[in-house]
Amino acid sequence: ADIRLARELLGFTPSVSFEEGLRRTLAWLRNA
């Protein structure tokens, strides 16, 4: 995935890998 747009818009730099972030997001959605 290309996160350059997110970085530019939000000044966002991921502190976890994309894969780990995706895993956390999916886990969060399941528990929501």
N, C-alpha and C. Protein backbone atom coordinates (compact mmCIF):
# COMPACT_ATOMS: atom_id res chain seq x y z
N ALA A 1 0.85 -1.20 0.00
CA ALA A 1 0.00 0.00 0.00
C ALA A 1 0.88 1.23 0.00
N ASP A 2 0.38 2.28 -0.64
CA ASP A 2 1.12 3.52 -0.74
C ASP A 2 0.56 4.51 0.27
N ILE A 3 1.36 4.86 1.27
CA ILE A 3 0.87 5.75 2.32
C ILE A 3 1.41 7.16 2.16
N ARG A 4 2.02 7.43 1.00
CA ARG A 4 2.56 8.78 0.79
C ARG A 4 1.48 9.84 0.91
N LEU A 5 0.29 9.55 0.37
CA LEU A 5 -0.79 10.52 0.43
C LEU A 5 -1.18 10.80 1.88
N ALA A 6 -1.30 9.75 2.68
CA ALA A 6 -1.64 9.94 4.09
C ALA A 6 -0.56 10.75 4.79
N ARG A 7 0.71 10.45 4.47
CA ARG A 7 1.80 11.21 5.07
C ARG A 7 1.70 12.68 4.72
N GLU A 8 1.41 12.97 3.46
CA GLU A 8 1.34 14.36 3.02
C GLU A 8 0.16 15.08 3.64
N LEU A 9 -0.98 14.41 3.72
CA LEU A 9 -2.19 15.05 4.22
C LEU A 9 -2.16 15.23 5.73
N LEU A 10 -1.64 14.24 6.43
CA LEU A 10 -1.76 14.21 7.89
C LEU A 10 -0.43 14.41 8.59
N GLY A 11 0.65 14.44 7.84
CA GLY A 11 1.95 14.46 8.48
C GLY A 11 2.16 13.14 9.21
N PHE A 12 1.61 12.07 8.63
CA PHE A 12 1.55 10.77 9.29
C PHE A 12 2.74 9.92 8.92
N THR A 13 3.43 9.44 9.95
CA THR A 13 4.48 8.46 9.74
C THR A 13 4.16 7.26 10.62
N PRO A 14 3.98 6.09 10.04
CA PRO A 14 3.58 4.93 10.83
C PRO A 14 4.67 4.50 11.79
N SER A 15 4.28 4.19 13.02
CA SER A 15 5.22 3.71 14.02
C SER A 15 5.27 2.18 14.00
N VAL A 16 4.34 1.57 13.28
CA VAL A 16 4.34 0.13 13.08
C VAL A 16 4.33 -0.14 11.59
N SER A 17 4.70 -1.35 11.21
CA SER A 17 4.68 -1.71 9.80
C SER A 17 3.25 -1.69 9.29
N PHE A 18 3.10 -1.56 7.97
CA PHE A 18 1.76 -1.56 7.39
C PHE A 18 1.02 -2.83 7.76
N GLU A 19 1.73 -3.97 7.70
CA GLU A 19 1.09 -5.25 7.98
C GLU A 19 0.59 -5.30 9.42
N GLU A 20 1.42 -4.84 10.36
CA GLU A 20 1.02 -4.83 11.77
C GLU A 20 -0.14 -3.87 11.99
N GLY A 21 -0.08 -2.72 11.34
CA GLY A 21 -1.17 -1.76 11.48
C GLY A 21 -2.48 -2.32 10.94
N LEU A 22 -2.40 -3.02 9.82
CA LEU A 22 -3.59 -3.63 9.24
C LEU A 22 -4.16 -4.69 10.18
N ARG A 23 -3.27 -5.50 10.75
CA ARG A 23 -3.70 -6.53 11.68
C ARG A 23 -4.42 -5.91 12.88
N ARG A 24 -3.84 -4.82 13.42
CA ARG A 24 -4.46 -4.15 14.56
C ARG A 24 -5.80 -3.56 14.18
N THR A 25 -5.88 -2.97 12.98
CA THR A 25 -7.12 -2.36 12.53
C THR A 25 -8.21 -3.42 12.39
N LEU A 26 -7.86 -4.55 11.80
CA LEU A 26 -8.85 -5.62 11.63
C LEU A 26 -9.30 -6.16 12.98
N ALA A 27 -8.38 -6.30 13.92
CA ALA A 27 -8.73 -6.77 15.25
C ALA A 27 -9.67 -5.77 15.93
N TRP A 28 -9.38 -4.47 15.76
CA TRP A 28 -10.21 -3.43 16.36
C TRP A 28 -11.61 -3.46 15.77
N LEU A 29 -11.70 -3.63 14.44
CA LEU A 29 -13.00 -3.67 13.78
C LEU A 29 -13.81 -4.87 14.26
N ARG A 30 -13.15 -6.00 14.45
CA ARG A 30 -13.86 -7.19 14.92
C ARG A 30 -14.43 -6.97 16.32
N ASN A 31 -13.72 -6.20 17.14
CA ASN A 31 -14.14 -5.98 18.52
C ASN A 31 -15.05 -4.77 18.68
N ALA A 32 -15.25 -4.03 17.61
CA ALA A 32 -16.04 -2.79 17.69
C ALA A 32 -17.53 -3.13 17.87
